[in-house]
Amino acid sequence: MQPNQFPTYPPEQLSAIYLNGISPESMNYDFGCKHIKQKRFKEMLANDKDVFFASTRLSNPVFRFRAGQEIDIENPFAFGKRGKCIGHMDYLYRGFRMRGFLIQYID
């Protein structure tokens, strides 16, 4: 899988997804943890379950998570109700500075 081949939820589906009661501004579909190549993220993996990125704008974030923090996930399109924040990375998307949090399902 190429780095640009991680599809995201469309806005009409994204409004039904909540992380600790807050809807993310952007979120990609779940993908296998085998696609994670960065050592700092690989070391933090809790198990071999799927992971996803949830993003918010860096200038005015709607949520913040710490590495190791457990998160309640309400997602009618995927299974798994709890997740663990593995870490975050900052990036630029269409002129917006974003912060993406890597979250792994733990149950």
N, C-alpha and C. Protein backbone atom coordinates (compact mmCIF):
# COMPACT_ATOMS: atom_id res chain seq x y z
N MET A 1 0.84 -1.18 0.00
CA MET A 1 0.00 0.00 0.00
C MET A 1 0.88 1.24 0.00
N GLN A 2 0.65 2.14 -0.90
CA GLN A 2 1.40 3.38 -1.00
C GLN A 2 0.91 4.38 0.04
N PRO A 3 1.77 5.33 0.47
CA PRO A 3 1.35 6.29 1.49
C PRO A 3 0.13 7.12 1.10
N ASN A 4 -0.09 7.37 -0.19
CA ASN A 4 -1.24 8.16 -0.61
C ASN A 4 -2.47 7.31 -0.90
N GLN A 5 -2.45 6.04 -0.56
CA GLN A 5 -3.55 5.14 -0.84
C GLN A 5 -4.33 4.79 0.42
N PHE A 6 -4.43 5.69 1.36
CA PHE A 6 -5.19 5.47 2.57
C PHE A 6 -6.46 6.32 2.48
N PRO A 7 -7.57 5.75 2.01
CA PRO A 7 -8.79 6.54 1.83
C PRO A 7 -9.37 7.03 3.15
N THR A 8 -10.04 8.17 3.09
CA THR A 8 -10.65 8.76 4.28
C THR A 8 -12.17 8.66 4.19
N TYR A 9 -12.81 8.78 5.35
CA TYR A 9 -14.27 8.78 5.40
C TYR A 9 -14.79 10.07 4.77
N PRO A 10 -15.85 9.99 3.97
CA PRO A 10 -16.45 11.22 3.44
C PRO A 10 -17.15 11.99 4.55
N PRO A 11 -17.36 13.29 4.37
CA PRO A 11 -17.96 14.13 5.44
C PRO A 11 -19.30 13.63 5.95
N GLU A 12 -20.15 13.06 5.08
CA GLU A 12 -21.45 12.59 5.55
C GLU A 12 -21.35 11.39 6.48
N GLN A 13 -20.33 10.57 6.35
CA GLN A 13 -20.11 9.45 7.26
C GLN A 13 -19.31 9.88 8.48
N LEU A 14 -18.43 10.84 8.31
CA LEU A 14 -17.57 11.31 9.40
C LEU A 14 -18.37 11.91 10.55
N SER A 15 -19.52 12.49 10.25
CA SER A 15 -20.33 13.11 11.29
C SER A 15 -20.93 12.10 12.26
N ALA A 16 -20.91 10.79 11.92
CA ALA A 16 -21.44 9.75 12.80
C ALA A 16 -20.35 9.10 13.65
N ILE A 17 -19.11 9.52 13.50
CA ILE A 17 -17.98 8.92 14.21
C ILE A 17 -17.55 9.85 15.34
N TYR A 18 -17.33 9.26 16.53
CA TYR A 18 -16.90 10.06 17.68
C TYR A 18 -15.74 9.38 18.39
N LEU A 19 -14.75 10.17 18.77
CA LEU A 19 -13.61 9.73 19.57
C LEU A 19 -13.68 10.49 20.88
N ASN A 20 -13.93 9.79 21.96
CA ASN A 20 -14.15 10.42 23.27
C ASN A 20 -15.23 11.50 23.18
N GLY A 21 -16.27 11.24 22.40
CA GLY A 21 -17.38 12.15 22.29
C GLY A 21 -17.19 13.30 21.32
N ILE A 22 -16.07 13.35 20.59
CA ILE A 22 -15.78 14.45 19.67
C ILE A 22 -15.60 13.88 18.26
N SER A 23 -16.24 14.50 17.29
CA SER A 23 -16.12 14.07 15.90
C SER A 23 -14.82 14.61 15.30
N PRO A 24 -13.98 13.74 14.72
CA PRO A 24 -12.72 14.22 14.12
C PRO A 24 -12.97 15.00 12.84
N GLU A 25 -12.04 15.86 12.49
CA GLU A 25 -12.15 16.65 11.26
C GLU A 25 -11.81 15.81 10.03
N SER A 26 -10.98 14.79 10.21
CA SER A 26 -10.62 13.89 9.13
C SER A 26 -10.22 12.56 9.76
N MET A 27 -10.55 11.47 9.07
CA MET A 27 -10.21 10.15 9.59
C MET A 27 -10.15 9.17 8.43
N ASN A 28 -9.11 8.34 8.42
CA ASN A 28 -9.02 7.37 7.34
C ASN A 28 -9.60 6.03 7.78
N TYR A 29 -9.87 5.18 6.79
CA TYR A 29 -10.37 3.84 7.08
C TYR A 29 -9.30 3.04 7.81
N ASP A 30 -9.73 2.01 8.52
CA ASP A 30 -8.79 1.16 9.25
C ASP A 30 -7.83 0.47 8.27
N PHE A 31 -6.60 0.28 8.71
CA PHE A 31 -5.63 -0.47 7.93
C PHE A 31 -4.79 -1.31 8.89
N GLY A 32 -4.17 -2.35 8.37
CA GLY A 32 -3.38 -3.27 9.18
C GLY A 32 -2.13 -2.62 9.74
N CYS A 33 -1.76 -3.02 10.94
CA CYS A 33 -0.58 -2.43 11.58
C CYS A 33 0.71 -2.82 10.87
N LYS A 34 0.65 -3.79 9.96
CA LYS A 34 1.85 -4.18 9.20
C LYS A 34 2.32 -3.07 8.27
N HIS A 35 1.45 -2.10 7.97
CA HIS A 35 1.81 -0.99 7.09
C HIS A 35 2.56 0.12 7.81
N ILE A 36 2.68 0.04 9.11
CA ILE A 36 3.39 1.06 9.88
C ILE A 36 4.89 0.81 9.74
N LYS A 37 5.61 1.80 9.28
CA LYS A 37 7.04 1.66 9.03
C LYS A 37 7.91 2.45 10.01
N GLN A 38 7.36 3.48 10.64
CA GLN A 38 8.16 4.30 11.55
C GLN A 38 8.40 3.56 12.86
N LYS A 39 9.65 3.55 13.27
CA LYS A 39 10.06 2.80 14.45
C LYS A 39 9.35 3.30 15.72
N ARG A 40 9.17 4.62 15.85
CA ARG A 40 8.56 5.16 17.07
C ARG A 40 7.11 4.69 17.22
N PHE A 41 6.41 4.46 16.10
CA PHE A 41 5.04 3.95 16.17
C PHE A 41 5.03 2.44 16.36
N LYS A 42 5.93 1.73 15.70
CA LYS A 42 5.99 0.27 15.82
C LYS A 42 6.23 -0.16 17.26
N GLU A 43 7.07 0.58 17.97
CA GLU A 43 7.39 0.23 19.36
C GLU A 43 6.20 0.41 20.29
N MET A 44 5.28 1.28 19.94
CA MET A 44 4.13 1.57 20.80
C MET A 44 2.93 0.67 20.53
N LEU A 45 2.95 -0.15 19.48
CA LEU A 45 1.81 -0.99 19.15
C LEU A 45 1.47 -1.92 20.31
N ALA A 46 0.20 -2.01 20.65
CA ALA A 46 -0.24 -2.82 21.77
C ALA A 46 -0.53 -4.26 21.35
N ASN A 47 -0.91 -4.46 20.09
CA ASN A 47 -1.28 -5.78 19.59
C ASN A 47 -1.18 -5.78 18.08
N ASP A 48 -1.81 -6.77 17.42
CA ASP A 48 -1.74 -6.82 15.95
C ASP A 48 -3.05 -6.40 15.30
N LYS A 49 -3.89 -5.67 16.02
CA LYS A 49 -5.17 -5.22 15.46
C LYS A 49 -4.97 -3.99 14.58
N ASP A 50 -6.04 -3.63 13.86
CA ASP A 50 -5.99 -2.52 12.90
C ASP A 50 -5.76 -1.18 13.58
N VAL A 51 -5.29 -0.22 12.79
CA VAL A 51 -5.03 1.14 13.25
C VAL A 51 -5.69 2.12 12.28
N PHE A 52 -5.78 3.38 12.69
CA PHE A 52 -6.28 4.44 11.82
C PHE A 52 -5.74 5.77 12.29
N PHE A 53 -5.76 6.77 11.41
CA PHE A 53 -5.38 8.13 11.76
C PHE A 53 -6.64 8.98 11.87
N ALA A 54 -6.73 9.75 12.94
CA ALA A 54 -7.77 10.76 13.11
C ALA A 54 -7.05 12.10 13.21
N SER A 55 -7.52 13.08 12.46
CA SER A 55 -6.79 14.34 12.35
C SER A 55 -7.63 15.54 12.76
N THR A 56 -6.92 16.58 13.19
CA THR A 56 -7.51 17.85 13.53
C THR A 56 -6.55 18.95 13.10
N ARG A 57 -7.07 20.16 12.91
CA ARG A 57 -6.20 21.27 12.54
C ARG A 57 -5.27 21.62 13.70
N LEU A 58 -4.05 21.94 13.39
CA LEU A 58 -3.06 22.25 14.41
C LEU A 58 -3.30 23.61 15.05
N SER A 59 -3.82 24.57 14.28
CA SER A 59 -4.03 25.91 14.82
C SER A 59 -5.23 26.00 15.76
N ASN A 60 -6.24 25.19 15.53
CA ASN A 60 -7.44 25.22 16.37
C ASN A 60 -7.94 23.79 16.56
N PRO A 61 -7.23 22.97 17.34
CA PRO A 61 -7.59 21.54 17.44
C PRO A 61 -8.92 21.33 18.17
N VAL A 62 -9.67 20.33 17.69
CA VAL A 62 -10.92 19.97 18.36
C VAL A 62 -10.68 18.88 19.40
N PHE A 63 -9.56 18.19 19.32
CA PHE A 63 -9.20 17.19 20.33
C PHE A 63 -7.68 17.05 20.40
N ARG A 64 -7.23 16.51 21.53
CA ARG A 64 -5.82 16.20 21.74
C ARG A 64 -5.75 14.88 22.48
N PHE A 65 -4.83 14.03 22.08
CA PHE A 65 -4.62 12.76 22.76
C PHE A 65 -3.14 12.61 23.10
N ARG A 66 -2.86 11.94 24.19
CA ARG A 66 -1.49 11.63 24.60
C ARG A 66 -1.15 10.21 24.15
N ALA A 67 0.10 9.95 23.90
CA ALA A 67 0.54 8.59 23.58
C ALA A 67 0.24 7.69 24.77
N GLY A 68 -0.42 6.58 24.51
CA GLY A 68 -0.80 5.65 25.56
C GLY A 68 -2.20 5.87 26.11
N GLN A 69 -2.84 6.96 25.76
CA GLN A 69 -4.19 7.26 26.25
C GLN A 69 -5.21 6.34 25.59
N GLU A 70 -6.15 5.81 26.40
CA GLU A 70 -7.22 4.99 25.86
C GLU A 70 -8.37 5.88 25.42
N ILE A 71 -9.02 5.50 24.33
CA ILE A 71 -10.03 6.33 23.69
C ILE A 71 -11.29 5.51 23.45
N ASP A 72 -12.46 6.09 23.75
CA ASP A 72 -13.74 5.48 23.42
C ASP A 72 -14.06 5.81 21.97
N ILE A 73 -14.33 4.77 21.17
CA ILE A 73 -14.59 4.96 19.75
C ILE A 73 -16.03 4.58 19.45
N GLU A 74 -16.78 5.52 18.89
CA GLU A 74 -18.14 5.26 18.42
C GLU A 74 -18.11 5.38 16.91
N ASN A 75 -18.07 4.24 16.22
CA ASN A 75 -17.97 4.21 14.76
C ASN A 75 -18.91 3.14 14.23
N PRO A 76 -20.04 3.53 13.63
CA PRO A 76 -20.98 2.53 13.11
C PRO A 76 -20.46 1.80 11.86
N PHE A 77 -19.35 2.25 11.27
CA PHE A 77 -18.83 1.67 10.04
C PHE A 77 -17.68 0.69 10.27
N ALA A 78 -17.20 0.55 11.51
CA ALA A 78 -16.09 -0.35 11.83
C ALA A 78 -16.32 -0.93 13.21
N PHE A 79 -15.75 -2.07 13.47
CA PHE A 79 -15.92 -2.72 14.76
C PHE A 79 -14.78 -2.36 15.69
N GLY A 80 -15.04 -2.36 16.97
CA GLY A 80 -14.04 -2.02 17.97
C GLY A 80 -14.50 -0.79 18.71
N LYS A 81 -14.58 -0.89 20.00
CA LYS A 81 -15.13 0.20 20.80
C LYS A 81 -14.09 0.97 21.59
N ARG A 82 -12.90 0.43 21.76
CA ARG A 82 -11.84 1.12 22.51
C ARG A 82 -10.59 1.15 21.65
N GLY A 83 -9.83 2.20 21.83
CA GLY A 83 -8.58 2.33 21.11
C GLY A 83 -7.52 2.91 22.01
N LYS A 84 -6.30 2.87 21.53
CA LYS A 84 -5.16 3.42 22.27
C LYS A 84 -4.39 4.32 21.32
N CYS A 85 -4.07 5.52 21.77
CA CYS A 85 -3.29 6.45 20.96
C CYS A 85 -1.84 5.98 20.93
N ILE A 86 -1.33 5.76 19.75
CA ILE A 86 0.04 5.29 19.57
C ILE A 86 1.01 6.46 19.48
N GLY A 87 0.55 7.57 18.97
CA GLY A 87 1.40 8.75 18.81
C GLY A 87 0.75 9.71 17.83
N HIS A 88 1.46 10.78 17.49
CA HIS A 88 0.93 11.75 16.54
C HIS A 88 2.02 12.20 15.58
N MET A 89 1.58 12.76 14.47
CA MET A 89 2.51 13.36 13.52
C MET A 89 1.83 14.57 12.88
N ASP A 90 2.63 15.59 12.62
CA ASP A 90 2.13 16.81 12.01
C ASP A 90 2.38 16.74 10.50
N TYR A 91 1.45 17.29 9.73
CA TYR A 91 1.59 17.30 8.28
C TYR A 91 0.82 18.46 7.69
N LEU A 92 1.02 18.71 6.42
CA LEU A 92 0.34 19.78 5.69
C LEU A 92 -0.64 19.15 4.72
N TYR A 93 -1.90 19.63 4.71
CA TYR A 93 -2.91 19.11 3.81
C TYR A 93 -3.69 20.28 3.22
N ARG A 94 -3.55 20.48 1.92
CA ARG A 94 -4.25 21.56 1.20
C ARG A 94 -4.10 22.92 1.89
N GLY A 95 -2.91 23.21 2.33
CA GLY A 95 -2.62 24.49 2.96
C GLY A 95 -2.92 24.56 4.45
N PHE A 96 -3.49 23.50 5.02
CA PHE A 96 -3.79 23.47 6.46
C PHE A 96 -2.73 22.66 7.17
N ARG A 97 -2.25 23.19 8.29
CA ARG A 97 -1.36 22.40 9.14
C ARG A 97 -2.24 21.50 10.00
N MET A 98 -1.98 20.20 9.94
CA MET A 98 -2.81 19.21 10.62
C MET A 98 -1.96 18.39 11.59
N ARG A 99 -2.63 17.83 12.57
CA ARG A 99 -2.00 16.87 13.48
C ARG A 99 -2.83 15.59 13.42
N GLY A 100 -2.18 14.50 13.02
CA GLY A 100 -2.84 13.20 12.93
C GLY A 100 -2.43 12.34 14.10
N PHE A 101 -3.43 11.74 14.74
CA PHE A 101 -3.19 10.83 15.86
C PHE A 101 -3.39 9.41 15.38
N LEU A 102 -2.39 8.57 15.57
CA LEU A 102 -2.47 7.16 15.19
C LEU A 102 -3.12 6.41 16.35
N ILE A 103 -4.22 5.73 16.07
CA ILE A 103 -4.99 5.03 17.10
C ILE A 103 -5.13 3.58 16.71
N GLN A 104 -4.93 2.69 17.68
CA GLN A 104 -5.04 1.25 17.45
C GLN A 104 -6.18 0.70 18.29
N TYR A 105 -6.96 -0.21 17.68
CA TYR A 105 -8.02 -0.88 18.44
C TYR A 105 -7.40 -1.79 19.49
N ILE A 106 -7.98 -1.78 20.69
CA ILE A 106 -7.47 -2.67 21.74
C ILE A 106 -8.49 -3.71 22.16
N ASP A 107 -9.75 -3.59 21.72
CA ASP A 107 -10.75 -4.64 21.96
C ASP A 107 -11.82 -4.61 20.91
